[in-house]
Amino acid sequence: MEMQNSAKSSFSDSICPSPSDPRILAALAARKLLGEVKRAVDIAGVESLTASDILVNAPINKVVDLKNIIGRPKQTRSAMSRLPRK
């Protein structure tokens, strides 16, 4: 029984890094920064923080790349700027 607990502890430690692990902290910081630039609708910021070879399943039921991901907000922003203002 003791052997199993020892092996189990060693196994889980190797899979679950510490919350203070620099890789975990860097990933959380990058995720926070990406969230901030998305909320600010900073298209250039999102593009600079996104992998150039990204592929995602879009809500339009297609696989899209970075060009399409960045192009959609640009098109929306352009179309909205042409709407009459009150």
PDB file of N, CA and C in Angstrom:
ATOM      1  N   MET A   1       0.827  -1.195   0.000  1.00  0.00           N
ATOM      2  CA  MET A   1       0.000   0.000   0.000  1.00  0.00           C
ATOM      3  C   MET A   1       0.871   1.259   0.000  1.00  0.00           C
ATOM      4  N   GLU A   2       1.942   1.222   0.806  1.00  0.00           N
ATOM      5  CA  GLU A   2       2.816   2.385   0.879  1.00  0.00           C
ATOM      6  C   GLU A   2       3.509   2.627  -0.455  1.00  0.00           C
ATOM      7  N   MET A   3       3.851   1.581  -1.153  1.00  0.00           N
ATOM      8  CA  MET A   3       4.496   1.698  -2.460  1.00  0.00           C
ATOM      9  C   MET A   3       3.560   2.387  -3.448  1.00  0.00           C
ATOM     10  N   GLN A   4       2.286   2.047  -3.416  1.00  0.00           N
ATOM     11  CA  GLN A   4       1.328   2.657  -4.315  1.00  0.00           C
ATOM     12  C   GLN A   4       1.188   4.152  -4.028  1.00  0.00           C
ATOM     13  N   ASN A   5       1.107   4.553  -2.790  1.00  0.00           N
ATOM     14  CA  ASN A   5       0.987   5.957  -2.433  1.00  0.00           C
ATOM     15  C   ASN A   5       2.209   6.751  -2.879  1.00  0.00           C
ATOM     16  N   SER A   6       3.379   6.157  -2.700  1.00  0.00           N
ATOM     17  CA  SER A   6       4.614   6.817  -3.102  1.00  0.00           C
ATOM     18  C   SER A   6       4.646   7.026  -4.613  1.00  0.00           C
ATOM     19  N   ALA A   7       4.276   5.989  -5.355  1.00  0.00           N
ATOM     20  CA  ALA A   7       4.260   6.088  -6.820  1.00  0.00           C
ATOM     21  C   ALA A   7       3.199   7.082  -7.275  1.00  0.00           C
ATOM     22  N   LYS A   8       2.055   7.066  -6.624  1.00  0.00           N
ATOM     23  CA  LYS A   8       0.978   7.979  -6.997  1.00  0.00           C
ATOM     24  C   LYS A   8       1.382   9.432  -6.748  1.00  0.00           C
ATOM     25  N   SER A   9       2.022   9.692  -5.625  1.00  0.00           N
ATOM     26  CA  SER A   9       2.462  11.043  -5.309  1.00  0.00           C
ATOM     27  C   SER A   9       3.488  11.530  -6.319  1.00  0.00           C
ATOM     28  N   SER A  10       4.443  10.688  -6.650  1.00  0.00           N
ATOM     29  CA  SER A  10       5.469  11.044  -7.621  1.00  0.00           C
ATOM     30  C   SER A  10       4.853  11.302  -8.990  1.00  0.00           C
ATOM     31  N   PHE A  11       3.894  10.484  -9.370  1.00  0.00           N
ATOM     32  CA  PHE A  11       3.222  10.627 -10.665  1.00  0.00           C
ATOM     33  C   PHE A  11       2.475  11.956 -10.737  1.00  0.00           C
ATOM     34  N   SER A  12       1.697  12.290  -9.724  1.00  0.00           N
ATOM     35  CA  SER A  12       0.905  13.526  -9.772  1.00  0.00           C
ATOM     36  C   SER A  12       1.798  14.760  -9.703  1.00  0.00           C
ATOM     37  N   ASP A  13       2.906  14.690  -8.981  1.00  0.00           N
ATOM     38  CA  ASP A  13       3.822  15.830  -8.914  1.00  0.00           C
ATOM     39  C   ASP A  13       4.450  16.121 -10.267  1.00  0.00           C
ATOM     40  N   SER A  14       4.719  15.082 -11.036  1.00  0.00           N
ATOM     41  CA  SER A  14       5.353  15.302 -12.334  1.00  0.00           C
ATOM     42  C   SER A  14       4.355  15.839 -13.364  1.00  0.00           C
ATOM     43  N   ILE A  15       3.085  15.604 -13.177  1.00  0.00           N
ATOM     44  CA  ILE A  15       2.068  16.070 -14.120  1.00  0.00           C
ATOM     45  C   ILE A  15       1.559  17.461 -13.753  1.00  0.00           C
ATOM     46  N   CYS A  16       1.450  17.739 -12.488  1.00  0.00           N
ATOM     47  CA  CYS A  16       0.858  18.992 -12.021  1.00  0.00           C
ATOM     48  C   CYS A  16       1.954  19.929 -11.518  1.00  0.00           C
ATOM     49  N   PRO A  17       2.380  20.877 -12.342  1.00  0.00           N
ATOM     50  CA  PRO A  17       3.409  21.803 -11.870  1.00  0.00           C
ATOM     51  C   PRO A  17       2.855  22.728 -10.790  1.00  0.00           C
ATOM     52  N   SER A  18       3.733  23.287 -10.044  1.00  0.00           N
ATOM     53  CA  SER A  18       3.368  24.199  -8.968  1.00  0.00           C
ATOM     54  C   SER A  18       2.755  25.480  -9.540  1.00  0.00           C
ATOM     55  N   PRO A  19       1.804  26.077  -8.832  1.00  0.00           N
ATOM     56  CA  PRO A  19       1.239  27.358  -9.294  1.00  0.00           C
ATOM     57  C   PRO A  19       2.289  28.465  -9.388  1.00  0.00           C
ATOM     58  N   SER A  20       3.416  28.290  -8.705  1.00  0.00           N
ATOM     59  CA  SER A  20       4.479  29.299  -8.774  1.00  0.00           C
ATOM     60  C   SER A  20       5.516  28.974  -9.850  1.00  0.00           C
ATOM     61  N   ASP A  21       5.274  27.913 -10.617  1.00  0.00           N
ATOM     62  CA  ASP A  21       6.178  27.539 -11.715  1.00  0.00           C
ATOM     63  C   ASP A  21       6.238  28.703 -12.715  1.00  0.00           C
ATOM     64  N   PRO A  22       7.431  29.153 -13.121  1.00  0.00           N
ATOM     65  CA  PRO A  22       7.542  30.285 -14.048  1.00  0.00           C
ATOM     66  C   PRO A  22       6.770  30.094 -15.356  1.00  0.00           C
ATOM     67  N   ARG A  23       6.666  28.851 -15.821  1.00  0.00           N
ATOM     68  CA  ARG A  23       5.908  28.601 -17.054  1.00  0.00           C
ATOM     69  C   ARG A  23       4.427  28.872 -16.846  1.00  0.00           C
ATOM     70  N   ILE A  24       3.927  28.483 -15.689  1.00  0.00           N
ATOM     71  CA  ILE A  24       2.512  28.714 -15.367  1.00  0.00           C
ATOM     72  C   ILE A  24       2.268  30.215 -15.224  1.00  0.00           C
ATOM     73  N   LEU A  25       3.147  30.903 -14.518  1.00  0.00           N
ATOM     74  CA  LEU A  25       2.998  32.352 -14.329  1.00  0.00           C
ATOM     75  C   LEU A  25       3.059  33.093 -15.665  1.00  0.00           C
ATOM     76  N   ALA A  26       3.961  32.671 -16.562  1.00  0.00           N
ATOM     77  CA  ALA A  26       4.068  33.316 -17.875  1.00  0.00           C
ATOM     78  C   ALA A  26       2.814  33.076 -18.707  1.00  0.00           C
ATOM     79  N   ALA A  27       2.280  31.852 -18.659  1.00  0.00           N
ATOM     80  CA  ALA A  27       1.065  31.540 -19.418  1.00  0.00           C
ATOM     81  C   ALA A  27      -0.122  32.351 -18.898  1.00  0.00           C
ATOM     82  N   LEU A  28      -0.241  32.475 -17.591  1.00  0.00           N
ATOM     83  CA  LEU A  28      -1.341  33.258 -17.013  1.00  0.00           C
ATOM     84  C   LEU A  28      -1.210  34.741 -17.351  1.00  0.00           C
ATOM     85  N   ALA A  29       0.024  35.259 -17.334  1.00  0.00           N
ATOM     86  CA  ALA A  29       0.248  36.662 -17.681  1.00  0.00           C
ATOM     87  C   ALA A  29      -0.096  36.914 -19.148  1.00  0.00           C
ATOM     88  N   ALA A  30       0.302  35.992 -20.024  1.00  0.00           N
ATOM     89  CA  ALA A  30      -0.005  36.143 -21.452  1.00  0.00           C
ATOM     90  C   ALA A  30      -1.505  36.074 -21.686  1.00  0.00           C
ATOM     91  N   ARG A  31      -2.177  35.185 -20.978  1.00  0.00           N
ATOM     92  CA  ARG A  31      -3.629  35.067 -21.132  1.00  0.00           C
ATOM     93  C   ARG A  31      -4.338  36.335 -20.657  1.00  0.00           C
ATOM     94  N   LYS A  32      -3.848  36.904 -19.553  1.00  0.00           N
ATOM     95  CA  LYS A  32      -4.422  38.149 -19.037  1.00  0.00           C
ATOM     96  C   LYS A  32      -4.224  39.288 -20.033  1.00  0.00           C
ATOM     97  N   LEU A  33      -3.017  39.391 -20.589  1.00  0.00           N
ATOM     98  CA  LEU A  33      -2.723  40.442 -21.559  1.00  0.00           C
ATOM     99  C   LEU A  33      -3.590  40.289 -22.807  1.00  0.00           C
ATOM    100  N   LEU A  34      -3.750  39.065 -23.293  1.00  0.00           N
ATOM    101  CA  LEU A  34      -4.599  38.832 -24.463  1.00  0.00           C
ATOM    102  C   LEU A  34      -6.041  39.246 -24.167  1.00  0.00           C
ATOM    103  N   GLY A  35      -6.529  38.935 -22.977  1.00  0.00           N
ATOM    104  CA  GLY A  35      -7.879  39.348 -22.589  1.00  0.00           C
ATOM    105  C   GLY A  35      -8.029  40.864 -22.571  1.00  0.00           C
ATOM    106  N   GLU A  36      -6.991  41.556 -22.083  1.00  0.00           N
ATOM    107  CA  GLU A  36      -7.034  43.016 -22.042  1.00  0.00           C
ATOM    108  C   GLU A  36      -7.073  43.632 -23.438  1.00  0.00           C
ATOM    109  N   VAL A  37      -6.264  43.109 -24.358  1.00  0.00           N
ATOM    110  CA  VAL A  37      -6.265  43.687 -25.703  1.00  0.00           C
ATOM    111  C   VAL A  37      -7.555  43.342 -26.446  1.00  0.00           C
ATOM    112  N   LYS A  38      -8.147  42.184 -26.142  1.00  0.00           N
ATOM    113  CA  LYS A  38      -9.440  41.849 -26.754  1.00  0.00           C
ATOM    114  C   LYS A  38     -10.527  42.796 -26.264  1.00  0.00           C
ATOM    115  N   ARG A  39     -10.546  43.053 -24.960  1.00  0.00           N
ATOM    116  CA  ARG A  39     -11.559  43.959 -24.408  1.00  0.00           C
ATOM    117  C   ARG A  39     -11.398  45.372 -24.951  1.00  0.00           C
ATOM    118  N   ALA A  40     -10.174  45.762 -25.247  1.00  0.00           N
ATOM    119  CA  ALA A  40      -9.911  47.090 -25.787  1.00  0.00           C
ATOM    120  C   ALA A  40     -10.132  47.141 -27.298  1.00  0.00           C
ATOM    121  N   VAL A  41     -10.499  46.015 -27.892  1.00  0.00           N
ATOM    122  CA  VAL A  41     -10.676  45.874 -29.338  1.00  0.00           C
ATOM    123  C   VAL A  41      -9.414  46.393 -30.051  1.00  0.00           C
ATOM    124  N   ASP A  42      -8.276  45.958 -29.535  1.00  0.00           N
ATOM    125  CA  ASP A  42      -6.973  46.299 -30.096  1.00  0.00           C
ATOM    126  C   ASP A  42      -6.579  45.197 -31.078  1.00  0.00           C
ATOM    127  N   ILE A  43      -6.983  45.354 -32.332  1.00  0.00           N
ATOM    128  CA  ILE A  43      -6.772  44.314 -33.337  1.00  0.00           C
ATOM    129  C   ILE A  43      -5.289  44.037 -33.543  1.00  0.00           C
ATOM    130  N   ALA A  44      -4.480  45.078 -33.606  1.00  0.00           N
ATOM    131  CA  ALA A  44      -3.036  44.888 -33.783  1.00  0.00           C
ATOM    132  C   ALA A  44      -2.436  44.156 -32.582  1.00  0.00           C
ATOM    133  N   GLY A  45      -2.925  44.464 -31.385  1.00  0.00           N
ATOM    134  CA  GLY A  45      -2.448  43.786 -30.183  1.00  0.00           C
ATOM    135  C   GLY A  45      -2.800  42.308 -30.187  1.00  0.00           C
ATOM    136  N   VAL A  46      -4.035  41.989 -30.576  1.00  0.00           N
ATOM    137  CA  VAL A  46      -4.449  40.586 -30.652  1.00  0.00           C
ATOM    138  C   VAL A  46      -3.592  39.855 -31.682  1.00  0.00           C
ATOM    139  N   GLU A  47      -3.365  40.484 -32.811  1.00  0.00           N
ATOM    140  CA  GLU A  47      -2.563  39.857 -33.868  1.00  0.00           C
ATOM    141  C   GLU A  47      -1.137  39.596 -33.387  1.00  0.00           C
ATOM    142  N   SER A  48      -0.561  40.530 -32.650  1.00  0.00           N
ATOM    143  CA  SER A  48       0.819  40.364 -32.190  1.00  0.00           C
ATOM    144  C   SER A  48       0.950  39.292 -31.114  1.00  0.00           C
ATOM    145  N   LEU A  49      -0.126  39.017 -30.377  1.00  0.00           N
ATOM    146  CA  LEU A  49      -0.078  38.019 -29.302  1.00  0.00           C
ATOM    147  C   LEU A  49      -0.557  36.642 -29.740  1.00  0.00           C
ATOM    148  N   THR A  50      -0.996  36.505 -30.990  1.00  0.00           N
ATOM    149  CA  THR A  50      -1.545  35.244 -31.472  1.00  0.00           C
ATOM    150  C   THR A  50      -0.526  34.549 -32.365  1.00  0.00           C
ATOM    151  N   ALA A  51      -0.428  33.239 -32.227  1.00  0.00           N
ATOM    152  CA  ALA A  51       0.505  32.463 -33.049  1.00  0.00           C
ATOM    153  C   ALA A  51       0.153  32.634 -34.521  1.00  0.00           C
ATOM    154  N   SER A  52       1.172  32.805 -35.341  1.00  0.00           N
ATOM    155  CA  SER A  52       0.937  33.057 -36.770  1.00  0.00           C
ATOM    156  C   SER A  52       0.324  31.849 -37.484  1.00  0.00           C
ATOM    157  N   ASP A  53       0.513  30.657 -36.934  1.00  0.00           N
ATOM    158  CA  ASP A  53      -0.016  29.453 -37.582  1.00  0.00           C
ATOM    159  C   ASP A  53      -1.275  28.909 -36.891  1.00  0.00           C
ATOM    160  N   ILE A  54      -1.981  29.761 -36.166  1.00  0.00           N
ATOM    161  CA  ILE A  54      -3.181  29.332 -35.438  1.00  0.00           C
ATOM    162  C   ILE A  54      -4.280  28.863 -36.400  1.00  0.00           C
ATOM    163  N   LEU A  55      -4.961  27.814 -36.003  1.00  0.00           N
ATOM    164  CA  LEU A  55      -6.154  27.322 -36.696  1.00  0.00           C
ATOM    165  C   LEU A  55      -7.201  27.050 -35.626  1.00  0.00           C
ATOM    166  N   VAL A  56      -8.414  27.554 -35.829  1.00  0.00           N
ATOM    167  CA  VAL A  56      -9.487  27.342 -34.863  1.00  0.00           C
ATOM    168  C   VAL A  56     -10.776  26.964 -35.580  1.00  0.00           C
ATOM    169  N   ASN A  57     -11.664  26.286 -34.852  1.00  0.00           N
ATOM    170  CA  ASN A  57     -12.999  26.019 -35.362  1.00  0.00           C
ATOM    171  C   ASN A  57     -13.850  27.241 -35.055  1.00  0.00           C
ATOM    172  N   ALA A  58     -14.276  27.912 -36.092  1.00  0.00           N
ATOM    173  CA  ALA A  58     -15.048  29.137 -35.926  1.00  0.00           C
ATOM    174  C   ALA A  58     -16.538  28.819 -35.776  1.00  0.00           C
ATOM    175  N   PRO A  59     -17.300  29.757 -35.208  1.00  0.00           N
ATOM    176  CA  PRO A  59     -18.748  29.563 -35.071  1.00  0.00           C
ATOM    177  C   PRO A  59     -19.459  29.397 -36.420  1.00  0.00           C
ATOM    178  N   ILE A  60     -18.791  29.758 -37.507  1.00  0.00           N
ATOM    179  CA  ILE A  60     -19.396  29.616 -38.837  1.00  0.00           C
ATOM    180  C   ILE A  60     -19.199  28.203 -39.385  1.00  0.00           C
ATOM    181  N   ASN A  61     -18.771  27.280 -38.503  1.00  0.00           N
ATOM    182  CA  ASN A  61     -18.574  25.870 -38.827  1.00  0.00           C
ATOM    183  C   ASN A  61     -17.479  25.676 -39.876  1.00  0.00           C
ATOM    184  N   LYS A  62     -16.420  26.455 -39.768  1.00  0.00           N
ATOM    185  CA  LYS A  62     -15.258  26.333 -40.640  1.00  0.00           C
ATOM    186  C   LYS A  62     -13.996  26.455 -39.802  1.00  0.00           C
ATOM    187  N   VAL A  63     -12.921  25.875 -40.302  1.00  0.00           N
ATOM    188  CA  VAL A  63     -11.617  26.060 -39.682  1.00  0.00           C
ATOM    189  C   VAL A  63     -11.011  27.314 -40.288  1.00  0.00           C
ATOM    190  N   VAL A  64     -10.592  28.252 -39.432  1.00  0.00           N
ATOM    191  CA  VAL A  64     -10.068  29.521 -39.920  1.00  0.00           C
ATOM    192  C   VAL A  64      -8.662  29.757 -39.384  1.00  0.00           C
ATOM    193  N   ASP A  65      -7.916  30.604 -40.095  1.00  0.00           N
ATOM    194  CA  ASP A  65      -6.553  30.931 -39.704  1.00  0.00           C
ATOM    195  C   ASP A  65      -6.486  32.361 -39.159  1.00  0.00           C
ATOM    196  N   LEU A  66      -5.278  32.813 -38.856  1.00  0.00           N
ATOM    197  CA  LEU A  66      -5.097  34.140 -38.267  1.00  0.00           C
ATOM    198  C   LEU A  66      -5.635  35.251 -39.162  1.00  0.00           C
ATOM    199  N   LYS A  67      -5.419  35.121 -40.460  1.00  0.00           N
ATOM    200  CA  LYS A  67      -5.889  36.154 -41.391  1.00  0.00           C
ATOM    201  C   LYS A  67      -7.406  36.340 -41.265  1.00  0.00           C
ATOM    202  N   ASN A  68      -8.139  35.231 -41.167  1.00  0.00           N
ATOM    203  CA  ASN A  68      -9.589  35.300 -41.039  1.00  0.00           C
ATOM    204  C   ASN A  68     -10.001  35.802 -39.658  1.00  0.00           C
ATOM    205  N   ILE A  69      -9.303  35.349 -38.621  1.00  0.00           N
ATOM    206  CA  ILE A  69      -9.625  35.770 -37.252  1.00  0.00           C
ATOM    207  C   ILE A  69      -9.475  37.280 -37.114  1.00  0.00           C
ATOM    208  N   ILE A  70      -8.394  37.823 -37.640  1.00  0.00           N
ATOM    209  CA  ILE A  70      -8.135  39.259 -37.541  1.00  0.00           C
ATOM    210  C   ILE A  70      -8.995  40.034 -38.538  1.00  0.00           C
ATOM    211  N   GLY A  71      -9.293  39.448 -39.675  1.00  0.00           N
ATOM    212  CA  GLY A  71     -10.066  40.129 -40.709  1.00  0.00           C
ATOM    213  C   GLY A  71     -11.500  40.414 -40.322  1.00  0.00           C
ATOM    214  N   ARG A  72     -12.120  39.524 -39.573  1.00  0.00           N
ATOM    215  CA  ARG A  72     -13.532  39.716 -39.202  1.00  0.00           C
ATOM    216  C   ARG A  72     -13.757  40.966 -38.355  1.00  0.00           C
ATOM    217  N   PRO A  73     -13.001  41.175 -37.277  1.00  0.00           N
ATOM    218  CA  PRO A  73     -13.217  42.427 -36.516  1.00  0.00           C
ATOM    219  C   PRO A  73     -12.907  43.672 -37.341  1.00  0.00           C
ATOM    220  N   LYS A  74     -11.913  43.586 -38.222  1.00  0.00           N
ATOM    221  CA  LYS A  74     -11.600  44.736 -39.074  1.00  0.00           C
ATOM    222  C   LYS A  74     -12.773  45.055 -39.987  1.00  0.00           C
ATOM    223  N   GLN A  75     -13.401  44.017 -40.572  1.00  0.00           N
ATOM    224  CA  GLN A  75     -14.558  44.226 -41.447  1.00  0.00           C
ATOM    225  C   GLN A  75     -15.718  44.810 -40.661  1.00  0.00           C
ATOM    226  N   THR A  76     -15.952  44.297 -39.462  1.00  0.00           N
ATOM    227  CA  THR A  76     -17.050  44.782 -38.630  1.00  0.00           C
ATOM    228  C   THR A  76     -16.827  46.240 -38.253  1.00  0.00           C
ATOM    229  N   ARG A  77     -15.610  46.549 -37.852  1.00  0.00           N
ATOM    230  CA  ARG A  77     -15.294  47.931 -37.471  1.00  0.00           C
ATOM    231  C   ARG A  77     -15.480  48.868 -38.662  1.00  0.00           C
ATOM    232  N   SER A  78     -15.039  48.440 -39.845  1.00  0.00           N
ATOM    233  CA  SER A  78     -15.172  49.253 -41.050  1.00  0.00           C
ATOM    234  C   SER A  78     -16.645  49.463 -41.402  1.00  0.00           C
ATOM    235  N   ALA A  79     -17.438  48.401 -41.329  1.00  0.00           N
ATOM    236  CA  ALA A  79     -18.858  48.507 -41.642  1.00  0.00           C
ATOM    237  C   ALA A  79     -19.575  49.405 -40.631  1.00  0.00           C
ATOM    238  N   MET A  80     -19.199  49.301 -39.368  1.00  0.00           N
ATOM    239  CA  MET A  80     -19.840  50.125 -38.341  1.00  0.00           C
ATOM    240  C   MET A  80     -19.498  51.600 -38.523  1.00  0.00           C
ATOM    241  N   SER A  81     -18.290  51.874 -39.017  1.00  0.00           N
ATOM    242  CA  SER A  81     -17.905  53.278 -39.196  1.00  0.00           C
ATOM    243  C   SER A  81     -18.670  53.939 -40.334  1.00  0.00           C
ATOM    244  N   ARG A  82     -19.260  53.125 -41.210  1.00  0.00           N
ATOM    245  CA  ARG A  82     -20.042  53.688 -42.332  1.00  0.00           C
ATOM    246  C   ARG A  82     -21.507  53.899 -41.959  1.00  0.00           C
ATOM    247  N   LEU A  83     -21.917  53.421 -40.797  1.00  0.00           N
ATOM    248  CA  LEU A  83     -23.308  53.602 -40.378  1.00  0.00           C
ATOM    249  C   LEU A  83     -23.554  55.053 -40.019  1.00  0.00           C
ATOM    250  N   PRO A  84     -24.756  55.536 -40.320  1.00  0.00           N
ATOM    251  CA  PRO A  84     -25.061  56.928 -39.938  1.00  0.00           C
ATOM    252  C   PRO A  84     -25.105  57.071 -38.428  1.00  0.00           C
ATOM    253  N   ARG A  85     -24.606  58.169 -37.944  1.00  0.00           N
ATOM    254  CA  ARG A  85     -24.606  58.431 -36.504  1.00  0.00           C
ATOM    255  C   ARG A  85     -25.718  59.402 -36.157  1.00  0.00           C
ATOM    256  N   LYS A  86     -26.285  59.215 -34.998  1.00  0.00           N
ATOM    257  CA  LYS A  86     -27.372  60.089 -34.549  1.00  0.00           C
ATOM    258  C   LYS A  86     -26.847  61.168 -33.660  1.00  0.00           C
TER     259      LYS A  86
END
